[in-house]
């Protein structure tokens, strides 16, 4: 990093109000010396989100669809949450937002529907860099006649769209890929994926679970057809949502009870979902808006513009964290999986998967836990990626994952702890 880049990074780090932001998270205030570096498995929630969940459970914990006040309030809270999530991802309409339990169940729901519409377009492109939820769910369609083409990660730790082009043809039904690898943090050029897929008449399904807390989601700019996300990684409680183009969702075969309208979002939301957590997701979007509004106060900006400003600031600050984490890991002679070249830092989020020589990942993570630093070891629910990296499913690798409430000081403490553990175990 040259002097200009160092100055720019320092300016971004100083301008981003991380100390103020940390005071908004009760878990951080109560954690003492503990450092949360397992955010890829689930982020903490701000007080405003906790308040929204509590308010629902206390003030109107009833079923929607009734004529009395509390039930009407539940209906309204779901409407408002759809509007907020639609703004978060730049959906064309709030009616394209479908709430449910988690991203995996939504991937399965869409895959079952697509399995009934294969016909002559019977090929699905999947990758070896994805979470297994976005692989196994599609492979299960083999019984329905689906055939599969593998888009494989290159040795540089990312998927390249040049490798996708020869995989797509007039037989391609769908390209399913991640926006950002949950395991190694690599960001995929999904707008180019859509151009290639649509050029052949195919659709695009995006797993946006891991990218959600790190950058701006824009389904219109990406021109995708389906997208799933999980609230619990996006500073809200456990829930998930599916977005799809309205007409695409309308055509998708789904299970529904006879009294449910055959149109989105209702045809997708089978049964009762967790209303209080949907209220929490609404509050999480408003929290992200607040970051943008506070960084550059303006009465003229729309809610979406505040989200854009907030996520832009988060992304810039997290690049500072990513550079610092990359430096610390390299100083410890770590084998870093994924993008390890600082010149390509824009291709990743601050999620780092690594190993230290032949030292046991489990042992390092246990030692870190003793030192009040929470990180993770294992296969990261990515068996095909582990195989690609020549890693055992039993031992796997170590993952340290940061979000915008982490600090450079925490990274330095992580580095000191890692060096001490290496010295102890070597």
Protein backbone atom coordinates (compact mmCIF):
# COMPACT_ATOMS: atom_id res chain seq x y z
CA UNK A 1 0.00 0.00 0.00
CA UNK A 2 1.51 3.37 -0.99
CA UNK A 3 1.39 6.55 1.10
CA UNK A 4 -1.72 7.81 -0.70
CA UNK A 5 -3.55 4.51 -0.14
CA UNK A 6 -2.46 4.47 3.51
CA UNK A 7 -3.80 7.99 3.99
CA UNK A 8 -7.07 7.13 2.23
CA UNK A 9 -7.55 4.00 4.36
CA UNK A 10 -6.87 5.95 7.54
CA UNK A 11 -9.33 8.65 6.45
CA UNK A 12 -12.07 6.10 5.76
CA UNK A 13 -11.42 4.34 9.06
CA UNK A 14 -11.49 7.60 10.99
CA UNK A 15 -14.62 8.86 9.22
CA UNK A 16 -16.65 5.71 9.78
CA UNK A 17 -18.40 6.00 13.19
CA UNK A 18 -17.60 2.47 14.38
CA UNK A 19 -17.43 3.46 18.07
CA UNK A 20 -20.91 4.98 17.90
CA UNK A 21 -22.22 2.02 15.94
CA UNK A 22 -20.90 -0.44 18.51
CA UNK A 23 -22.96 1.27 21.22
CA UNK A 24 -26.10 0.32 19.26
CA UNK A 25 -25.44 -3.42 19.70
CA UNK A 26 -26.32 -4.80 23.17
CA UNK A 27 -24.30 -7.98 22.59
CA UNK A 28 -21.15 -5.95 21.98
CA UNK A 29 -21.72 -3.83 25.07
CA UNK A 30 -22.18 -6.93 27.23
CA UNK A 31 -19.38 -8.98 25.69
CA UNK A 32 -16.52 -7.58 27.73
CA UNK A 33 -13.25 -8.61 26.07
CA UNK A 34 -14.87 -11.10 23.72
CA UNK A 35 -14.38 -10.42 19.99
CA UNK A 36 -17.07 -11.48 17.51
CA UNK A 37 -15.24 -12.80 14.45
CA UNK A 38 -17.72 -15.50 13.44
CA UNK A 39 -20.15 -13.10 11.79
CA UNK A 40 -20.42 -15.19 8.64
CA UNK A 41 -22.35 -17.68 10.77
CA UNK A 42 -24.63 -14.94 12.07
CA UNK A 43 -24.30 -11.25 12.96
CA UNK A 44 -25.37 -9.48 16.13
CA UNK A 45 -28.46 -7.26 16.17
CA UNK A 46 -28.86 -3.58 17.09
CA UNK A 47 -31.06 -2.48 19.99
CA UNK A 48 -33.63 -1.09 17.56
CA UNK A 49 -34.10 -4.57 16.06
CA UNK A 50 -34.45 -6.14 19.49
CA UNK A 51 -37.01 -3.45 20.38
CA UNK A 52 -39.03 -4.19 17.23
CA UNK A 53 -39.16 -7.91 18.04
CA UNK A 54 -40.09 -7.25 21.68
CA UNK A 55 -42.75 -4.73 20.70
CA UNK A 56 -44.38 -7.25 18.40
CA UNK A 57 -44.41 -9.98 21.04
CA UNK A 58 -45.80 -7.66 23.70
CA UNK A 59 -48.12 -5.39 21.75
CA UNK A 60 -49.57 -7.56 18.97
CA UNK A 61 -48.48 -11.18 19.19
CA UNK A 62 -51.58 -12.41 17.38
CA UNK A 63 -52.41 -13.95 14.01
CA UNK A 64 -52.83 -11.62 11.05
CA UNK A 65 -56.02 -11.43 9.00
CA UNK A 66 -58.40 -10.51 11.82
CA UNK A 67 -60.63 -7.45 12.08
CA UNK A 68 -59.50 -6.35 15.55
CA UNK A 69 -56.78 -3.77 16.11
CA UNK A 70 -53.89 -5.98 17.12
CA UNK A 71 -54.38 -8.29 14.14
CA UNK A 72 -54.66 -5.33 11.76
CA UNK A 73 -51.35 -4.08 13.18
CA UNK A 74 -49.67 -7.40 12.28
CA UNK A 75 -50.93 -7.07 8.70
CA UNK A 76 -49.56 -3.54 8.54
CA UNK A 77 -46.19 -4.55 10.00
CA UNK A 78 -45.78 -7.22 7.31
CA UNK A 79 -46.67 -4.68 4.61
CA UNK A 80 -44.11 -2.24 5.99
CA UNK A 81 -41.44 -4.95 6.18
CA UNK A 82 -42.04 -5.86 2.54
CA UNK A 83 -41.62 -2.22 1.59
CA UNK A 84 -38.37 -1.94 3.57
CA UNK A 85 -36.84 -5.12 2.15
CA UNK A 86 -37.92 -4.08 -1.35
CA UNK A 87 -35.97 -0.85 -0.84
CA UNK A 88 -32.99 -2.75 0.58
CA UNK A 89 -32.57 -4.82 -2.57
CA UNK A 90 -34.11 -2.35 -5.08
CA UNK A 91 -36.98 -4.66 -5.99
CA UNK A 92 -39.44 -3.56 -8.64
CA UNK A 93 -42.35 -4.02 -6.21
CA UNK A 94 -42.86 -4.98 -2.53
CA UNK A 95 -45.12 -7.82 -3.74
CA UNK A 96 -41.98 -9.57 -5.02
CA UNK A 97 -40.71 -9.99 -1.43
CA UNK A 98 -41.62 -13.34 0.15
CA UNK A 99 -40.92 -14.07 3.81
CA UNK A 100 -40.15 -17.44 5.36
CA UNK A 101 -37.84 -19.48 7.55
CA UNK A 102 -34.46 -19.37 5.77
CA UNK A 103 -32.67 -19.16 2.44
CA UNK A 104 -32.21 -22.93 2.13
CA UNK A 105 -35.94 -23.63 2.27
CA UNK A 106 -36.54 -20.99 -0.38
CA UNK A 107 -33.87 -22.45 -2.66
CA UNK A 108 -35.61 -25.81 -2.32
CA UNK A 109 -39.01 -24.27 -3.01
CA UNK A 110 -37.78 -22.62 -6.22
CA UNK A 111 -35.89 -25.73 -7.30
CA UNK A 112 -39.00 -27.90 -6.93
CA UNK A 113 -40.95 -25.45 -9.07
CA UNK A 114 -38.27 -25.26 -11.75
CA UNK A 115 -38.04 -29.05 -11.74
CA UNK A 116 -41.60 -29.10 -13.05
CA UNK A 117 -40.76 -26.73 -15.92
CA UNK A 118 -37.57 -28.19 -17.39
CA UNK A 119 -38.85 -29.53 -20.73
CA UNK A 120 -36.20 -29.04 -23.45
CA UNK A 121 -34.26 -26.64 -21.24
CA UNK A 122 -32.99 -29.27 -18.87
CA UNK A 123 -29.49 -28.00 -17.96
CA UNK A 124 -28.62 -26.15 -14.76
CA UNK A 125 -25.27 -24.49 -14.18
CA UNK A 126 -23.93 -24.77 -10.61
CA UNK A 127 -20.57 -23.86 -9.07
CA UNK A 128 -18.02 -25.52 -6.82
CA UNK A 129 -17.64 -22.33 -4.75
CA UNK A 130 -21.15 -22.16 -3.33
CA UNK A 131 -22.68 -23.16 -0.02
CA UNK A 132 -24.01 -26.69 -0.43
CA UNK A 133 -27.55 -25.36 -0.03
CA UNK A 134 -27.19 -23.79 -3.49
CA UNK A 135 -25.77 -26.99 -4.96
CA UNK A 136 -27.47 -30.03 -3.41
CA UNK A 137 -30.94 -28.53 -3.84
CA UNK A 138 -30.38 -28.33 -7.61
CA UNK A 139 -28.64 -31.70 -7.86
CA UNK A 140 -31.78 -33.22 -6.31
CA UNK A 141 -33.54 -32.39 -9.60
CA UNK A 142 -31.61 -35.14 -11.39
CA UNK A 143 -34.61 -37.39 -10.76
CA UNK A 144 -36.74 -34.86 -12.64
CA UNK A 145 -34.41 -35.12 -15.64
CA UNK A 146 -32.12 -32.18 -14.95
CA UNK A 147 -28.55 -32.25 -16.22
CA UNK A 148 -25.76 -30.21 -14.70
CA UNK A 149 -22.84 -28.14 -15.90
CA UNK A 150 -20.15 -27.18 -13.40
CA UNK A 151 -18.79 -23.64 -13.35
CA UNK A 152 -15.53 -24.09 -11.46
CA UNK A 153 -13.51 -21.66 -9.41
CA UNK A 154 -10.07 -20.80 -10.78
CA UNK A 155 -6.86 -21.16 -8.81
CA UNK A 156 -6.97 -17.41 -8.07
CA UNK A 157 -9.93 -18.00 -5.75
CA UNK A 158 -12.86 -16.72 -7.79
CA UNK A 159 -15.35 -17.60 -10.51
CA UNK A 160 -14.61 -16.05 -13.91
CA UNK A 161 -17.40 -15.22 -16.33
CA UNK A 162 -15.20 -16.25 -19.29
CA UNK A 163 -15.46 -19.79 -17.94
CA UNK A 164 -19.25 -19.54 -17.79
CA UNK A 165 -19.80 -18.63 -21.45
CA UNK A 166 -19.08 -22.10 -22.93
CA UNK A 167 -21.33 -23.73 -20.31
CA UNK A 168 -24.46 -21.85 -21.36
CA UNK A 169 -26.58 -22.86 -24.36
CA UNK A 170 -30.16 -23.07 -25.58
CA UNK A 171 -30.55 -26.05 -23.23
CA UNK A 172 -29.71 -23.98 -20.13
CA UNK A 173 -32.66 -23.49 -17.80
CA UNK A 174 -30.87 -21.71 -14.95
CA UNK A 175 -27.51 -20.49 -13.67
CA UNK A 176 -27.33 -20.77 -9.85
CA UNK A 177 -24.47 -19.06 -8.09
CA UNK A 178 -23.52 -17.07 -5.05
CA UNK A 179 -22.97 -13.32 -4.96
CA UNK A 180 -20.21 -13.79 -2.39
CA UNK A 181 -18.68 -17.05 -1.21
CA UNK A 182 -19.63 -17.58 2.44
CA UNK A 183 -16.46 -19.60 2.97
CA UNK A 184 -13.70 -17.59 1.31
CA UNK A 185 -15.29 -14.17 0.78
CA UNK A 186 -14.89 -13.90 -3.01
CA UNK A 187 -17.35 -11.59 -4.81
CA UNK A 188 -18.79 -12.77 -8.14
CA UNK A 189 -19.54 -10.45 -11.07
CA UNK A 190 -23.22 -11.37 -11.08
CA UNK A 191 -24.32 -8.64 -13.49
CA UNK A 192 -22.11 -10.29 -16.14
CA UNK A 193 -23.54 -13.68 -15.17
CA UNK A 194 -27.02 -12.35 -15.94
CA UNK A 195 -25.96 -10.94 -19.32
CA UNK A 196 -24.53 -14.29 -20.37
CA UNK A 197 -27.45 -16.35 -19.05
CA UNK A 198 -30.15 -14.08 -20.47
CA UNK A 199 -28.34 -13.98 -23.80
CA UNK A 200 -29.05 -17.70 -24.03
CA UNK A 201 -32.62 -17.39 -22.71
CA UNK A 202 -31.77 -18.80 -19.28
CA UNK A 203 -32.58 -17.46 -15.81
CA UNK A 204 -30.29 -16.55 -12.89
CA UNK A 205 -30.71 -17.58 -9.26
CA UNK A 206 -28.50 -15.74 -6.75
CA UNK A 207 -27.63 -16.78 -3.22
CA UNK A 208 -27.09 -13.39 -1.57
CA UNK A 209 -26.94 -14.61 2.01
CA UNK A 210 -23.30 -13.80 2.60
CA UNK A 211 -23.10 -10.60 0.58
CA UNK A 212 -26.08 -9.00 2.36
CA UNK A 213 -24.28 -7.39 5.32
CA UNK A 214 -21.28 -6.28 3.26
CA UNK A 215 -22.49 -4.39 0.21
CA UNK A 216 -25.36 -2.84 -1.71
CA UNK A 217 -27.86 -5.30 -3.16
CA UNK A 218 -29.47 -4.19 -6.42
CA UNK A 219 -31.59 -6.77 -8.23
CA UNK A 220 -32.35 -4.30 -11.00
CA UNK A 221 -28.69 -3.50 -11.71
CA UNK A 222 -27.78 -7.19 -11.44
CA UNK A 223 -30.73 -8.12 -13.68
CA UNK A 224 -31.19 -11.44 -11.88
CA UNK A 225 -34.42 -13.46 -11.76
CA UNK A 226 -34.38 -14.87 -8.22
CA UNK A 227 -32.47 -13.93 -5.07
CA UNK A 228 -32.46 -15.31 -1.54
CA UNK A 229 -31.16 -13.72 1.63
CA UNK A 230 -31.13 -14.52 5.37
CA UNK A 231 -31.94 -11.94 8.00
CA UNK A 232 -29.72 -13.41 10.70
CA UNK A 233 -26.60 -12.43 8.78
CA UNK A 234 -28.09 -9.04 7.99
CA UNK A 235 -28.43 -7.75 11.59
CA UNK A 236 -31.92 -9.15 12.16
CA UNK A 237 -33.26 -12.32 13.84
CA UNK A 238 -33.50 -15.72 12.18
CA UNK A 239 -35.68 -15.53 9.08
CA UNK A 240 -35.21 -15.50 5.35
CA UNK A 241 -36.66 -13.90 2.27
CA UNK A 242 -36.98 -14.71 -1.40
CA UNK A 243 -37.16 -12.13 -4.16
CA UNK A 244 -38.22 -12.94 -7.68
CA UNK A 245 -39.55 -10.97 -10.61
CA UNK A 246 -43.32 -10.78 -10.15
CA UNK A 247 -44.22 -12.57 -13.39
CA UNK A 248 -41.50 -15.16 -12.78
CA UNK A 249 -42.89 -15.97 -9.35
CA UNK A 250 -46.40 -15.99 -10.76
CA UNK A 251 -45.40 -18.72 -13.25
CA UNK A 252 -43.48 -20.77 -10.68
CA UNK A 253 -45.39 -23.88 -9.53
CA UNK A 254 -45.64 -23.86 -5.73
CA UNK A 255 -47.61 -25.65 -3.06
CA UNK A 256 -50.45 -23.58 -1.69
CA UNK A 257 -53.68 -24.23 0.13
CA UNK A 258 -56.84 -23.73 -1.93
CA UNK A 259 -57.81 -20.50 -0.18
CA UNK A 260 -54.42 -18.84 -0.84
CA UNK A 261 -54.29 -16.48 -3.87
CA UNK A 262 -52.25 -17.92 -6.74
CA UNK A 263 -49.91 -14.95 -6.96
CA UNK A 264 -46.85 -13.68 -5.13
CA UNK A 265 -46.05 -13.22 -2.38
CA UNK A 266 -48.92 -15.29 -0.95
CA UNK A 267 -48.44 -18.37 -3.15
CA UNK A 268 -44.86 -18.64 -1.87
CA UNK A 269 -45.49 -18.10 1.84
CA UNK A 270 -47.00 -21.46 2.80
CA UNK A 271 -48.16 -21.45 6.41
CA UNK A 272 -47.43 -18.96 9.15
CA UNK A 273 -43.99 -17.39 9.33
CA UNK A 274 -42.31 -15.63 12.25
CA UNK A 275 -43.97 -12.22 12.28
CA UNK A 276 -41.82 -10.83 15.08
CA UNK A 277 -38.65 -11.61 13.16
CA UNK A 278 -40.06 -9.99 10.06
CA UNK A 279 -40.59 -6.87 12.19
CA UNK A 280 -36.96 -7.24 13.21
CA UNK A 281 -35.90 -7.38 9.55
CA UNK A 282 -37.82 -4.15 8.93
CA UNK A 283 -35.92 -2.52 11.79
CA UNK A 284 -32.60 -3.87 10.47
CA UNK A 285 -33.20 -2.12 7.14
CA UNK A 286 -34.00 1.08 9.01
CA UNK A 287 -30.74 0.68 10.95
CA UNK A 288 -28.79 0.57 7.67
CA UNK A 289 -30.70 3.65 6.51
CA UNK A 290 -29.73 5.39 9.73
CA UNK A 291 -26.04 4.85 9.03
CA UNK A 292 -26.39 6.55 5.65
CA UNK A 293 -28.53 9.37 7.04
CA UNK A 294 -26.13 10.12 9.89
CA UNK A 295 -23.04 10.13 7.71
CA UNK A 296 -24.41 12.87 5.47
CA UNK A 297 -27.62 14.36 6.90
CA UNK A 298 -30.10 15.46 4.25
CA UNK A 299 -33.85 15.97 4.23
CA UNK A 300 -34.03 15.39 0.50
CA UNK A 301 -32.69 11.85 0.26
CA UNK A 302 -35.07 8.96 -0.19
CA UNK A 303 -34.96 5.84 1.96
CA UNK A 304 -33.22 3.93 -0.82
CA UNK A 305 -30.66 6.73 -1.18
CA UNK A 306 -29.90 6.48 2.53
CA UNK A 307 -29.45 2.72 2.17
CA UNK A 308 -27.09 3.31 -0.75
CA UNK A 309 -25.09 5.81 1.33
CA UNK A 310 -25.01 3.55 4.37
CA UNK A 311 -23.96 0.43 2.50
CA UNK A 312 -21.37 2.43 0.55
CA UNK A 313 -19.81 3.61 3.80
CA UNK A 314 -19.90 0.08 5.21
CA UNK A 315 -18.23 -1.31 2.12
CA UNK A 316 -15.45 1.32 2.18
CA UNK A 317 -14.77 0.72 5.88
CA UNK A 318 -14.78 -3.06 5.48
CA UNK A 319 -12.13 -2.77 2.75
CA UNK A 320 -9.91 -1.16 5.39
CA UNK A 321 -10.62 -4.12 7.69
CA UNK A 322 -9.96 -6.58 4.86
CA UNK A 323 -6.58 -5.04 4.03
CA UNK A 324 -5.54 -5.12 7.68
CA UNK A 325 -6.67 -8.72 8.13
CA UNK A 326 -4.86 -9.76 4.97
CA UNK A 327 -1.66 -8.18 6.29
CA UNK A 328 -1.98 -9.90 9.68
CA UNK A 329 -2.57 -13.33 8.11
CA UNK A 330 0.35 -12.93 5.73
CA UNK A 331 2.59 -11.87 8.61
CA UNK A 332 1.62 -15.15 10.28
CA UNK A 333 2.49 -17.13 7.11
CA UNK A 334 -1.10 -18.29 6.75
CA UNK A 335 -2.31 -20.13 3.66
CA UNK A 336 -5.21 -17.92 2.58
CA UNK A 337 -7.93 -19.48 0.45
CA UNK A 338 -9.63 -17.18 -2.01
CA UNK A 339 -8.43 -13.75 -3.05
CA UNK A 340 -5.10 -13.12 -1.31
CA UNK A 341 -3.70 -10.38 -3.56
CA UNK A 342 -4.19 -6.93 -2.03
CA UNK A 343 -4.41 -5.47 -5.53
CA UNK A 344 -7.65 -7.49 -5.93
CA UNK A 345 -9.08 -6.58 -2.52
CA UNK A 346 -12.24 -5.24 -4.21
CA UNK A 347 -13.08 -8.83 -5.17
CA UNK A 348 -13.63 -9.88 -1.58
CA UNK A 349 -15.39 -9.10 1.70
CA UNK A 350 -13.60 -9.37 5.07
CA UNK A 351 -14.31 -13.09 5.41
CA UNK A 352 -11.05 -15.03 5.53
CA UNK A 353 -10.59 -18.78 5.28
CA UNK A 354 -7.08 -19.97 6.07
CA UNK A 355 -4.79 -22.55 7.61
CA UNK A 356 -1.49 -22.28 9.45
CA UNK A 357 0.91 -24.89 8.09
CA UNK A 358 0.01 -28.32 9.40
CA UNK A 359 -1.38 -27.04 12.70
CA UNK A 360 -4.85 -28.33 13.56
CA UNK A 361 -7.61 -25.83 12.68
CA UNK A 362 -9.67 -27.15 15.57
CA UNK A 363 -6.84 -26.64 18.03
CA UNK A 364 -6.19 -23.09 16.86
CA UNK A 365 -9.87 -22.20 17.14
CA UNK A 366 -10.06 -23.73 20.63
CA UNK A 367 -7.02 -21.71 21.70
CA UNK A 368 -8.61 -18.58 20.25
CA UNK A 369 -11.76 -19.29 22.24
CA UNK A 370 -9.66 -19.43 25.41
CA UNK A 371 -8.38 -15.98 24.48
CA UNK A 372 -11.95 -14.66 24.03
CA UNK A 373 -11.94 -14.54 20.23
CA UNK A 374 -14.76 -16.32 18.42
CA UNK A 375 -13.82 -17.79 15.04
CA UNK A 376 -14.80 -21.05 13.31
CA UNK A 377 -13.21 -24.20 11.89
CA UNK A 378 -14.48 -27.00 9.69
CA UNK A 379 -15.81 -27.58 6.19
CA UNK A 380 -18.02 -24.45 6.16
CA UNK A 381 -20.90 -26.40 4.56
CA UNK A 382 -18.92 -26.43 1.32
CA UNK A 383 -17.75 -30.03 0.72
CA UNK A 384 -17.00 -29.50 -2.96
CA UNK A 385 -14.92 -26.42 -2.23
CA UNK A 386 -13.00 -28.31 0.46
CA UNK A 387 -12.23 -31.01 -2.08
CA UNK A 388 -11.15 -28.39 -4.60
CA UNK A 389 -8.78 -26.88 -2.02
CA UNK A 390 -7.43 -30.35 -1.14
CA UNK A 391 -8.72 -30.02 2.40
CA UNK A 392 -10.20 -32.80 4.50
CA UNK A 393 -13.86 -32.55 5.43
CA UNK A 394 -12.87 -33.62 8.94
CA UNK A 395 -10.43 -30.78 9.56
CA UNK A 396 -11.23 -28.23 6.86
CA UNK A 397 -9.95 -24.74 7.52
CA UNK A 398 -10.26 -21.76 9.85
CA UNK A 399 -12.61 -18.88 9.11
CA UNK A 400 -12.48 -15.41 10.64
CA UNK A 401 -15.30 -13.17 9.40
CA UNK A 402 -15.75 -9.48 10.11
CA UNK A 403 -18.53 -6.96 9.61
CA UNK A 404 -18.73 -3.20 10.05
CA UNK A 405 -18.90 -3.24 13.86
CA UNK A 406 -15.48 -4.86 14.04
CA UNK A 407 -12.41 -2.68 14.49
CA UNK A 408 -8.79 -2.50 13.40
CA UNK A 409 -7.80 -2.87 17.07
CA UNK A 410 -9.68 -6.18 17.20
CA UNK A 411 -7.75 -7.36 14.15
CA UNK A 412 -4.47 -6.46 15.87
CA UNK A 413 -5.53 -8.37 18.97
CA UNK A 414 -6.45 -11.32 16.76
CA UNK A 415 -2.99 -11.16 15.18
CA UNK A 416 -1.23 -11.10 18.55
CA UNK A 417 -3.29 -14.07 19.70
CA UNK A 418 -2.60 -16.01 16.52
CA UNK A 419 1.14 -15.44 16.76
CA UNK A 420 1.09 -16.59 20.39
CA UNK A 421 -0.86 -19.73 19.49
CA UNK A 422 1.50 -20.55 16.61
CA UNK A 423 4.47 -20.22 18.94
CA UNK A 424 2.77 -22.45 21.51
CA UNK A 425 1.70 -25.21 19.08
CA UNK A 426 4.74 -25.28 16.80
